[in-house]
Amino acid sequence: RPLGHGRGHAVAIARSRDGVRFETLLTIPSEEMDAES
């Protein structure tokens, strides 16, 4: 997100069979990592 709106607010993990259409498996928010970004 933009500065002042959370920056790197999360990391997502996804998987795909074709490398084009991805299914999100999990999102790790920065708060759960005790990280500002």
PDB file of all heavy atoms in Angstrom:
ATOM      1  N   ARG A   1       0.861  -1.180   0.000  1.00  0.00           N
ATOM      2  CA  ARG A   1       0.000   0.000   0.000  1.00  0.00           C
ATOM      3  C   ARG A   1       0.901   1.235   0.000  1.00  0.00           C
ATOM      4  O   ARG A   1       2.085   1.136   0.312  1.00  0.00           O
ATOM      5  CB  ARG A   1      -0.879   0.016   1.251  1.00  0.00           C
ATOM      6  CG  ARG A   1      -1.890  -1.110   1.302  1.00  0.00           C
ATOM      7  CD  ARG A   1      -2.665  -1.071   2.609  1.00  0.00           C
ATOM      8  NE  ARG A   1      -3.648  -2.130   2.660  1.00  0.00           N
ATOM      9  CZ  ARG A   1      -4.133  -2.641   3.777  1.00  0.00           C
ATOM     10  NH1 ARG A   1      -3.704  -2.198   4.960  1.00  0.00           N
ATOM     11  NH2 ARG A   1      -5.028  -3.605   3.734  1.00  0.00           N
ATOM     12  N   PRO A   2       0.339   2.422  -0.262  1.00  0.00           N
ATOM     13  CA  PRO A   2       1.163   3.631  -0.248  1.00  0.00           C
ATOM     14  C   PRO A   2       1.724   3.923   1.150  1.00  0.00           C
ATOM     15  O   PRO A   2       1.187   3.459   2.163  1.00  0.00           O
ATOM     16  CB  PRO A   2       0.197   4.736  -0.666  1.00  0.00           C
ATOM     17  CG  PRO A   2      -0.968   4.050  -1.295  1.00  0.00           C
ATOM     18  CD  PRO A   2      -1.037   2.690  -0.674  1.00  0.00           C
ATOM     19  N   LEU A   3       2.795   4.725   1.188  1.00  0.00           N
ATOM     20  CA  LEU A   3       3.331   5.191   2.470  1.00  0.00           C
ATOM     21  C   LEU A   3       2.213   5.847   3.258  1.00  0.00           C
ATOM     22  O   LEU A   3       1.387   6.564   2.700  1.00  0.00           O
ATOM     23  CB  LEU A   3       4.466   6.190   2.247  1.00  0.00           C
ATOM     24  CG  LEU A   3       5.754   5.626   1.675  1.00  0.00           C
ATOM     25  CD1 LEU A   3       6.750   6.758   1.400  1.00  0.00           C
ATOM     26  CD2 LEU A   3       6.373   4.605   2.609  1.00  0.00           C
ATOM     27  N   GLY A   4       2.172   5.568   4.542  1.00  0.00           N
ATOM     28  CA  GLY A   4       1.122   6.114   5.388  1.00  0.00           C
ATOM     29  C   GLY A   4      -0.154   5.292   5.397  1.00  0.00           C
ATOM     30  O   GLY A   4      -1.076   5.571   6.150  1.00  0.00           O
ATOM     31  N   HIS A   5      -0.215   4.258   4.551  1.00  0.00           N
ATOM     32  CA  HIS A   5      -1.408   3.399   4.478  1.00  0.00           C
ATOM     33  C   HIS A   5      -1.076   1.935   4.708  1.00  0.00           C
ATOM     34  O   HIS A   5      -1.854   1.056   4.333  1.00  0.00           O
ATOM     35  CB  HIS A   5      -2.102   3.574   3.122  1.00  0.00           C
ATOM     36  CG  HIS A   5      -2.627   4.940   2.898  1.00  0.00           C
ATOM     37  ND1 HIS A   5      -3.820   5.388   3.406  1.00  0.00           N
ATOM     38  CD2 HIS A   5      -2.080   5.998   2.240  1.00  0.00           C
ATOM     39  CE1 HIS A   5      -4.003   6.652   3.064  1.00  0.00           C
ATOM     40  NE2 HIS A   5      -2.963   7.046   2.360  1.00  0.00           N
ATOM     41  N   GLY A   6       0.111   1.666   5.249  1.00  0.00           N
ATOM     42  CA  GLY A   6       0.448   0.285   5.585  1.00  0.00           C
ATOM     43  C   GLY A   6       1.635  -0.298   4.857  1.00  0.00           C
ATOM     44  O   GLY A   6       2.062  -1.392   5.180  1.00  0.00           O
ATOM     45  N   ARG A   7       2.162   0.405   3.846  1.00  0.00           N
ATOM     46  CA  ARG A   7       3.317  -0.096   3.085  1.00  0.00           C
ATOM     47  C   ARG A   7       3.181  -1.589   2.796  1.00  0.00           C
ATOM     48  O   ARG A   7       2.188  -2.031   2.260  1.00  0.00           O
ATOM     49  CB  ARG A   7       4.621   0.204   3.830  1.00  0.00           C
ATOM     50  CG  ARG A   7       5.039   1.626   3.712  1.00  0.00           C
ATOM     51  CD  ARG A   7       6.320   1.995   4.425  1.00  0.00           C
ATOM     52  NE  ARG A   7       7.377   1.024   4.363  1.00  0.00           N
ATOM     53  CZ  ARG A   7       8.191   0.757   5.381  1.00  0.00           C
ATOM     54  NH1 ARG A   7       8.055   1.396   6.527  1.00  0.00           N
ATOM     55  NH2 ARG A   7       9.153  -0.117   5.255  1.00  0.00           N
ATOM     56  N   GLY A   8       4.210  -2.387   3.164  1.00  0.00           N
ATOM     57  CA  GLY A   8       4.159  -3.832   2.934  1.00  0.00           C
ATOM     58  C   GLY A   8       3.317  -4.480   4.022  1.00  0.00           C
ATOM     59  O   GLY A   8       3.841  -5.009   4.996  1.00  0.00           O
ATOM     60  N   HIS A   9       2.005  -4.422   3.874  1.00  0.00           N
ATOM     61  CA  HIS A   9       1.099  -4.842   4.949  1.00  0.00           C
ATOM     62  C   HIS A   9       0.912  -6.352   5.047  1.00  0.00           C
ATOM     63  O   HIS A   9       0.393  -6.847   6.054  1.00  0.00           O
ATOM     64  CB  HIS A   9      -0.252  -4.145   4.819  1.00  0.00           C
ATOM     65  CG  HIS A   9      -1.040  -4.581   3.628  1.00  0.00           C
ATOM     66  ND1 HIS A   9      -1.992  -5.563   3.699  1.00  0.00           N
ATOM     67  CD2 HIS A   9      -1.000  -4.183   2.335  1.00  0.00           C
ATOM     68  CE1 HIS A   9      -2.515  -5.745   2.502  1.00  0.00           C
ATOM     69  NE2 HIS A   9      -1.930  -4.917   1.653  1.00  0.00           N
ATOM     70  N   ALA A  10       1.360  -7.110   4.026  1.00  0.00           N
ATOM     71  CA  ALA A  10       1.170  -8.563   4.084  1.00  0.00           C
ATOM     72  C   ALA A  10       2.026  -9.246   3.031  1.00  0.00           C
ATOM     73  O   ALA A  10       2.465  -8.636   2.058  1.00  0.00           O
ATOM     74  CB  ALA A  10      -0.302  -8.918   3.864  1.00  0.00           C
ATOM     75  N   VAL A  11       2.228 -10.545   3.245  1.00  0.00           N
ATOM     76  CA  VAL A  11       2.813 -11.443   2.251  1.00  0.00           C
ATOM     77  C   VAL A  11       1.774 -12.524   1.994  1.00  0.00           C
ATOM     78  O   VAL A  11       1.167 -13.046   2.935  1.00  0.00           O
ATOM     79  CB  VAL A  11       4.140 -12.050   2.746  1.00  0.00           C
ATOM     80  CG1 VAL A  11       4.546 -13.253   1.914  1.00  0.00           C
ATOM     81  CG2 VAL A  11       5.243 -10.999   2.720  1.00  0.00           C
ATOM     82  N   ALA A  12       1.553 -12.832   0.734  1.00  0.00           N
ATOM     83  CA  ALA A  12       0.597 -13.878   0.365  1.00  0.00           C
ATOM     84  C   ALA A  12       1.337 -15.046  -0.262  1.00  0.00           C
ATOM     85  O   ALA A  12       2.384 -14.875  -0.887  1.00  0.00           O
ATOM     86  CB  ALA A  12      -0.440 -13.331  -0.603  1.00  0.00           C
ATOM     87  N   ILE A  13       0.779 -16.231  -0.076  1.00  0.00           N
ATOM     88  CA  ILE A  13       1.297 -17.440  -0.699  1.00  0.00           C
ATOM     89  C   ILE A  13       0.162 -17.998  -1.554  1.00  0.00           C
ATOM     90  O   ILE A  13      -0.980 -18.117  -1.098  1.00  0.00           O
ATOM     91  CB  ILE A  13       1.767 -18.478   0.346  1.00  0.00           C
ATOM     92  CG1 ILE A  13       2.961 -17.932   1.143  1.00  0.00           C
ATOM     93  CG2 ILE A  13       2.199 -19.759  -0.334  1.00  0.00           C
ATOM     94  CD1 ILE A  13       2.600 -17.258   2.405  1.00  0.00           C
ATOM     95  N   ALA A  14       0.486 -18.313  -2.806  1.00  0.00           N
ATOM     96  CA  ALA A  14      -0.527 -18.810  -3.740  1.00  0.00           C
ATOM     97  C   ALA A  14       0.050 -19.968  -4.542  1.00  0.00           C
ATOM     98  O   ALA A  14       1.255 -20.185  -4.563  1.00  0.00           O
ATOM     99  CB  ALA A  14      -0.967 -17.681  -4.672  1.00  0.00           C
ATOM    100  N   ARG A  15      -0.842 -20.695  -5.214  1.00  0.00           N
ATOM    101  CA  ARG A  15      -0.363 -21.776  -6.087  1.00  0.00           C
ATOM    102  C   ARG A  15      -1.179 -21.797  -7.365  1.00  0.00           C
ATOM    103  O   ARG A  15      -2.308 -21.330  -7.418  1.00  0.00           O
ATOM    104  CB  ARG A  15      -0.346 -23.098  -5.349  1.00  0.00           C
ATOM    105  CG  ARG A  15      -1.576 -23.912  -5.386  1.00  0.00           C
ATOM    106  CD  ARG A  15      -1.326 -25.308  -4.785  1.00  0.00           C
ATOM    107  NE  ARG A  15      -2.287 -25.541  -3.740  1.00  0.00           N
ATOM    108  CZ  ARG A  15      -2.023 -26.101  -2.564  1.00  0.00           C
ATOM    109  NH1 ARG A  15      -0.818 -26.497  -2.281  1.00  0.00           N
ATOM    110  NH2 ARG A  15      -2.953 -26.273  -1.691  1.00  0.00           N
ATOM    111  N   SER A  16      -0.539 -22.387  -8.397  1.00  0.00           N
ATOM    112  CA  SER A  16      -1.141 -22.406  -9.729  1.00  0.00           C
ATOM    113  C   SER A  16      -0.720 -23.671 -10.459  1.00  0.00           C
ATOM    114  O   SER A  16       0.385 -24.178 -10.260  1.00  0.00           O
ATOM    115  CB  SER A  16      -0.662 -21.182 -10.515  1.00  0.00           C
ATOM    116  OG  SER A  16      -1.049 -21.253 -11.862  1.00  0.00           O
ATOM    117  N   ARG A  17      -1.574 -24.149 -11.325  1.00  0.00           N
ATOM    118  CA  ARG A  17      -1.213 -25.267 -12.202  1.00  0.00           C
ATOM    119  C   ARG A  17      -0.608 -24.760 -13.512  1.00  0.00           C
ATOM    120  O   ARG A  17       0.184 -25.443 -14.129  1.00  0.00           O
ATOM    121  CB  ARG A  17      -2.444 -26.118 -12.520  1.00  0.00           C
ATOM    122  CG  ARG A  17      -2.977 -26.848 -11.312  1.00  0.00           C
ATOM    123  CD  ARG A  17      -3.905 -27.974 -11.699  1.00  0.00           C
ATOM    124  NE  ARG A  17      -4.396 -28.655 -10.521  1.00  0.00           N
ATOM    125  CZ  ARG A  17      -3.696 -29.518  -9.800  1.00  0.00           C
ATOM    126  NH1 ARG A  17      -2.473 -29.802 -10.130  1.00  0.00           N
ATOM    127  NH2 ARG A  17      -4.225 -30.096  -8.735  1.00  0.00           N
ATOM    128  N   ASP A  18      -0.981 -23.530 -13.911  1.00  0.00           N
ATOM    129  CA  ASP A  18      -0.552 -23.032 -15.219  1.00  0.00           C
ATOM    130  C   ASP A  18       0.361 -21.808 -15.168  1.00  0.00           C
ATOM    131  O   ASP A  18       0.826 -21.340 -16.198  1.00  0.00           O
ATOM    132  CB  ASP A  18      -1.767 -22.729 -16.096  1.00  0.00           C
ATOM    133  CG  ASP A  18      -2.670 -21.643 -15.530  1.00  0.00           C
ATOM    134  OD1 ASP A  18      -2.302 -20.984 -14.533  1.00  0.00           O
ATOM    135  OD2 ASP A  18      -3.769 -21.443 -16.090  1.00  0.00           O
ATOM    136  N   GLY A  19       0.624 -21.271 -13.989  1.00  0.00           N
ATOM    137  CA  GLY A  19       1.482 -20.100 -13.871  1.00  0.00           C
ATOM    138  C   GLY A  19       0.797 -18.798 -14.230  1.00  0.00           C
ATOM    139  O   GLY A  19       1.432 -17.751 -14.257  1.00  0.00           O
ATOM    140  N   VAL A  20      -0.505 -18.854 -14.472  1.00  0.00           N
ATOM    141  CA  VAL A  20      -1.267 -17.656 -14.832  1.00  0.00           C
ATOM    142  C   VAL A  20      -2.372 -17.388 -13.812  1.00  0.00           C
ATOM    143  O   VAL A  20      -2.525 -16.282 -13.321  1.00  0.00           O
ATOM    144  CB  VAL A  20      -1.871 -17.786 -16.253  1.00  0.00           C
ATOM    145  CG1 VAL A  20      -2.754 -16.593 -16.585  1.00  0.00           C
ATOM    146  CG2 VAL A  20      -0.764 -17.945 -17.278  1.00  0.00           C
ATOM    147  N   ARG A  21      -3.143 -18.417 -13.497  1.00  0.00           N
ATOM    148  CA  ARG A  21      -4.247 -18.289 -12.537  1.00  0.00           C
ATOM    149  C   ARG A  21      -3.791 -18.853 -11.191  1.00  0.00           C
ATOM    150  O   ARG A  21      -3.519 -20.054 -11.091  1.00  0.00           O
ATOM    151  CB  ARG A  21      -5.481 -19.017 -13.052  1.00  0.00           C
ATOM    152  CG  ARG A  21      -6.075 -18.350 -14.289  1.00  0.00           C
ATOM    153  CD  ARG A  21      -7.237 -19.155 -14.860  1.00  0.00           C
ATOM    154  NE  ARG A  21      -6.825 -20.476 -15.355  1.00  0.00           N
ATOM    155  CZ  ARG A  21      -6.303 -20.705 -16.556  1.00  0.00           C
ATOM    156  NH1 ARG A  21      -6.133 -19.715 -17.388  1.00  0.00           N
ATOM    157  NH2 ARG A  21      -5.967 -21.921 -16.927  1.00  0.00           N
ATOM    158  N   PHE A  22      -3.723 -17.984 -10.178  1.00  0.00           N
ATOM    159  CA  PHE A  22      -3.229 -18.372  -8.858  1.00  0.00           C
ATOM    160  C   PHE A  22      -4.350 -18.376  -7.829  1.00  0.00           C
ATOM    161  O   PHE A  22      -5.210 -17.492  -7.830  1.00  0.00           O
ATOM    162  CB  PHE A  22      -2.115 -17.417  -8.404  1.00  0.00           C
ATOM    163  CG  PHE A  22      -0.806 -17.695  -9.072  1.00  0.00           C
ATOM    164  CD1 PHE A  22      -0.517 -17.156 -10.307  1.00  0.00           C
ATOM    165  CD2 PHE A  22       0.133 -18.516  -8.469  1.00  0.00           C
ATOM    166  CE1 PHE A  22       0.680 -17.418 -10.951  1.00  0.00           C
ATOM    167  CE2 PHE A  22       1.334 -18.786  -9.097  1.00  0.00           C
ATOM    168  CZ  PHE A  22       1.615 -18.238 -10.335  1.00  0.00           C
ATOM    169  N   GLU A  23      -4.314 -19.382  -6.976  1.00  0.00           N
ATOM    170  CA  GLU A  23      -5.240 -19.511  -5.858  1.00  0.00           C
ATOM    171  C   GLU A  23      -4.474 -19.123  -4.594  1.00  0.00           C
ATOM    172  O   GLU A  23      -3.435 -19.716  -4.280  1.00  0.00           O
ATOM    173  CB  GLU A  23      -5.710 -20.962  -5.757  1.00  0.00           C
ATOM    174  CG  GLU A  23      -6.368 -21.311  -4.459  1.00  0.00           C
ATOM    175  CD  GLU A  23      -6.456 -22.826  -4.214  1.00  0.00           C
ATOM    176  OE1 GLU A  23      -5.798 -23.612  -4.917  1.00  0.00           O
ATOM    177  OE2 GLU A  23      -7.164 -23.186  -3.271  1.00  0.00           O
ATOM    178  N   THR A  24      -4.975 -18.127  -3.859  1.00  0.00           N
ATOM    179  CA  THR A  24      -4.327 -17.720  -2.614  1.00  0.00           C
ATOM    180  C   THR A  24      -4.545 -18.788  -1.555  1.00  0.00           C
ATOM    181  O   THR A  24      -5.668 -19.210  -1.299  1.00  0.00           O
ATOM    182  CB  THR A  24      -4.883 -16.367  -2.120  1.00  0.00           C
ATOM    183  OG1 THR A  24      -4.666 -15.389  -3.136  1.00  0.00           O
ATOM    184  CG2 THR A  24      -4.203 -15.932  -0.831  1.00  0.00           C
ATOM    185  N   LEU A  25      -3.459 -19.243  -0.969  1.00  0.00           N
ATOM    186  CA  LEU A  25      -3.507 -20.256   0.084  1.00  0.00           C
ATOM    187  C   LEU A  25      -3.519 -19.625   1.469  1.00  0.00           C
ATOM    188  O   LEU A  25      -4.157 -20.136   2.384  1.00  0.00           O
ATOM    189  CB  LEU A  25      -2.280 -21.173  -0.013  1.00  0.00           C
ATOM    190  CG  LEU A  25      -2.074 -21.917  -1.319  1.00  0.00           C
ATOM    191  CD1 LEU A  25      -0.752 -22.659  -1.293  1.00  0.00           C
ATOM    192  CD2 LEU A  25      -3.236 -22.867  -1.564  1.00  0.00           C
ATOM    193  N   LEU A  26      -2.778 -18.535   1.594  1.00  0.00           N
ATOM    194  CA  LEU A  26      -2.537 -17.965   2.918  1.00  0.00           C
ATOM    195  C   LEU A  26      -2.063 -16.536   2.761  1.00  0.00           C
ATOM    196  O   LEU A  26      -1.331 -16.225   1.811  1.00  0.00           O
ATOM    197  CB  LEU A  26      -1.445 -18.797   3.613  1.00  0.00           C
ATOM    198  CG  LEU A  26      -0.930 -18.361   4.965  1.00  0.00           C
ATOM    199  CD1 LEU A  26      -2.004 -18.569   6.025  1.00  0.00           C
ATOM    200  CD2 LEU A  26       0.310 -19.166   5.333  1.00  0.00           C
ATOM    201  N   THR A  27      -2.467 -15.676   3.673  1.00  0.00           N
ATOM    202  CA  THR A  27      -1.950 -14.317   3.744  1.00  0.00           C
ATOM    203  C   THR A  27      -1.406 -14.110   5.152  1.00  0.00           C
ATOM    204  O   THR A  27      -2.086 -14.417   6.130  1.00  0.00           O
ATOM    205  CB  THR A  27      -3.039 -13.282   3.429  1.00  0.00           C
ATOM    206  OG1 THR A  27      -3.559 -13.548   2.122  1.00  0.00           O
ATOM    207  CG2 THR A  27      -2.493 -11.870   3.460  1.00  0.00           C
ATOM    208  N   ILE A  28      -0.176 -13.607   5.225  1.00  0.00           N
ATOM    209  CA  ILE A  28       0.465 -13.339   6.518  1.00  0.00           C
ATOM    210  C   ILE A  28       0.532 -11.825   6.686  1.00  0.00           C
ATOM    211  O   ILE A  28       1.313 -11.149   6.011  1.00  0.00           O
ATOM    212  CB  ILE A  28       1.883 -13.943   6.568  1.00  0.00           C
ATOM    213  CG1 ILE A  28       1.827 -15.454   6.333  1.00  0.00           C
ATOM    214  CG2 ILE A  28       2.565 -13.605   7.889  1.00  0.00           C
ATOM    215  CD1 ILE A  28       3.189 -16.103   6.125  1.00  0.00           C
ATOM    216  N   PRO A  29      -0.284 -11.254   7.578  1.00  0.00           N
ATOM    217  CA  PRO A  29      -0.254  -9.809   7.804  1.00  0.00           C
ATOM    218  C   PRO A  29       1.002  -9.383   8.565  1.00  0.00           C
ATOM    219  O   PRO A  29       1.537 -10.151   9.373  1.00  0.00           O
ATOM    220  CB  PRO A  29      -1.498  -9.545   8.658  1.00  0.00           C
ATOM    221  CG  PRO A  29      -2.289 -10.801   8.641  1.00  0.00           C
ATOM    222  CD  PRO A  29      -1.348 -11.918   8.323  1.00  0.00           C
ATOM    223  N   SER A  30       1.450  -8.162   8.326  1.00  0.00           N
ATOM    224  CA  SER A  30       2.644  -7.650   9.009  1.00  0.00           C
ATOM    225  C   SER A  30       2.459  -7.650  10.533  1.00  0.00           C
ATOM    226  O   SER A  30       3.423  -7.887  11.267  1.00  0.00           O
ATOM    227  CB  SER A  30       2.992  -6.250   8.513  1.00  0.00           C
ATOM    228  OG  SER A  30       1.910  -5.358   8.702  1.00  0.00           O
ATOM    229  N   GLU A  31       1.241  -7.446  10.998  1.00  0.00           N
ATOM    230  CA  GLU A  31       0.993  -7.444  12.452  1.00  0.00           C
ATOM    231  C   GLU A  31       1.340  -8.796  13.086  1.00  0.00           C
ATOM    232  O   GLU A  31       1.839  -8.848  14.199  1.00  0.00           O
ATOM    233  CB  GLU A  31      -0.484  -7.116  12.758  1.00  0.00           C
ATOM    234  CG  GLU A  31      -0.922  -5.733  12.340  1.00  0.00           C
ATOM    235  CD  GLU A  31      -1.315  -5.652  10.861  1.00  0.00           C
ATOM    236  OE1 GLU A  31      -1.477  -6.695  10.201  1.00  0.00           O
ATOM    237  OE2 GLU A  31      -1.436  -4.521  10.375  1.00  0.00           O
ATOM    238  N   GLU A  32       1.083  -9.882  12.369  1.00  0.00           N
ATOM    239  CA  GLU A  32       1.371 -11.204  12.916  1.00  0.00           C
ATOM    240  C   GLU A  32       2.867 -11.501  12.959  1.00  0.00           C
ATOM    241  O   GLU A  32       3.294 -12.436  13.636  1.00  0.00           O
ATOM    242  CB  GLU A  32       0.630 -12.283  12.123  1.00  0.00           C
ATOM    243  CG  GLU A  32      -0.862 -12.243  12.366  1.00  0.00           C
ATOM    244  CD  GLU A  32      -1.593 -13.391  11.701  1.00  0.00           C
ATOM    245  OE1 GLU A  32      -0.978 -14.434  11.389  1.00  0.00           O
ATOM    246  OE2 GLU A  32      -2.805 -13.235  11.493  1.00  0.00           O
ATOM    247  N   MET A  33       3.655 -10.701  12.236  1.00  0.00           N
ATOM    248  CA  MET A  33       5.114 -10.850  12.263  1.00  0.00           C
ATOM    249  C   MET A  33       5.750  -9.765  13.126  1.00  0.00           C
ATOM    250  O   MET A  33       6.959  -9.634  13.172  1.00  0.00           O
ATOM    251  CB  MET A  33       5.681 -10.780  10.839  1.00  0.00           C
ATOM    252  CG  MET A  33       5.246 -11.922   9.946  1.00  0.00           C
ATOM    253  SD  MET A  33       5.704 -13.557  10.547  1.00  0.00           S
ATOM    254  CE  MET A  33       7.483 -13.461  10.501  1.00  0.00           C
ATOM    255  N   ASP A  34       4.914  -8.975  13.835  1.00  0.00           N
ATOM    256  CA  ASP A  34       5.383  -7.847  14.646  1.00  0.00           C
ATOM    257  C   ASP A  34       6.310  -6.965  13.817  1.00  0.00           C
ATOM    258  O   ASP A  34       7.411  -6.609  14.237  1.00  0.00           O
ATOM    259  CB  ASP A  34       6.071  -8.321  15.925  1.00  0.00           C
ATOM    260  CG  ASP A  34       6.329  -7.180  16.896  1.00  0.00           C
ATOM    261  OD1 ASP A  34       5.597  -6.165  16.828  1.00  0.00           O
ATOM    262  OD2 ASP A  34       7.278  -7.270  17.693  1.00  0.00           O
ATOM    263  N   ALA A  35       5.859  -6.622  12.602  1.00  0.00           N
ATOM    264  CA  ALA A  35       6.664  -5.836  11.671  1.00  0.00           C
ATOM    265  C   ALA A  35       5.882  -4.612  11.209  1.00  0.00           C
ATOM    266  O   ALA A  35       4.674  -4.687  10.983  1.00  0.00           O
ATOM    267  CB  ALA A  35       7.052  -6.684  10.465  1.00  0.00           C
ATOM    268  N   GLU A  36       6.591  -3.512  11.051  1.00  0.00           N
ATOM    269  CA  GLU A  36       5.973  -2.314  10.498  1.00  0.00           C
ATOM    270  C   GLU A  36       5.657  -2.511   9.021  1.00  0.00           C
ATOM    271  O   GLU A  36       4.677  -1.997   8.502  1.00  0.00           O
ATOM    272  CB  GLU A  36       6.915  -1.127  10.685  1.00  0.00           C
ATOM    273  CG  GLU A  36       6.318   0.195  10.267  1.00  0.00           C
ATOM    274  CD  GLU A  36       7.244   1.347  10.585  1.00  0.00           C
ATOM    275  OE1 GLU A  36       7.685   1.471  11.739  1.00  0.00           O
ATOM    276  OE2 GLU A  36       7.525   2.127   9.652  1.00  0.00           O
ATOM    277  N   SER A  37       6.511  -3.291   8.338  1.00  0.00           N
ATOM    278  CA  SER A  37       6.332  -3.570   6.919  1.00  0.00           C
ATOM    279  C   SER A  37       7.009  -4.893   6.599  1.00  0.00           C
ATOM    280  O   SER A  37       7.973  -5.276   7.271  1.00  0.00           O
ATOM    281  CB  SER A  37       6.957  -2.441   6.085  1.00  0.00           C
ATOM    282  OG  SER A  37       6.774  -2.671   4.702  1.00  0.00           O
TER     283      SER A  37
END
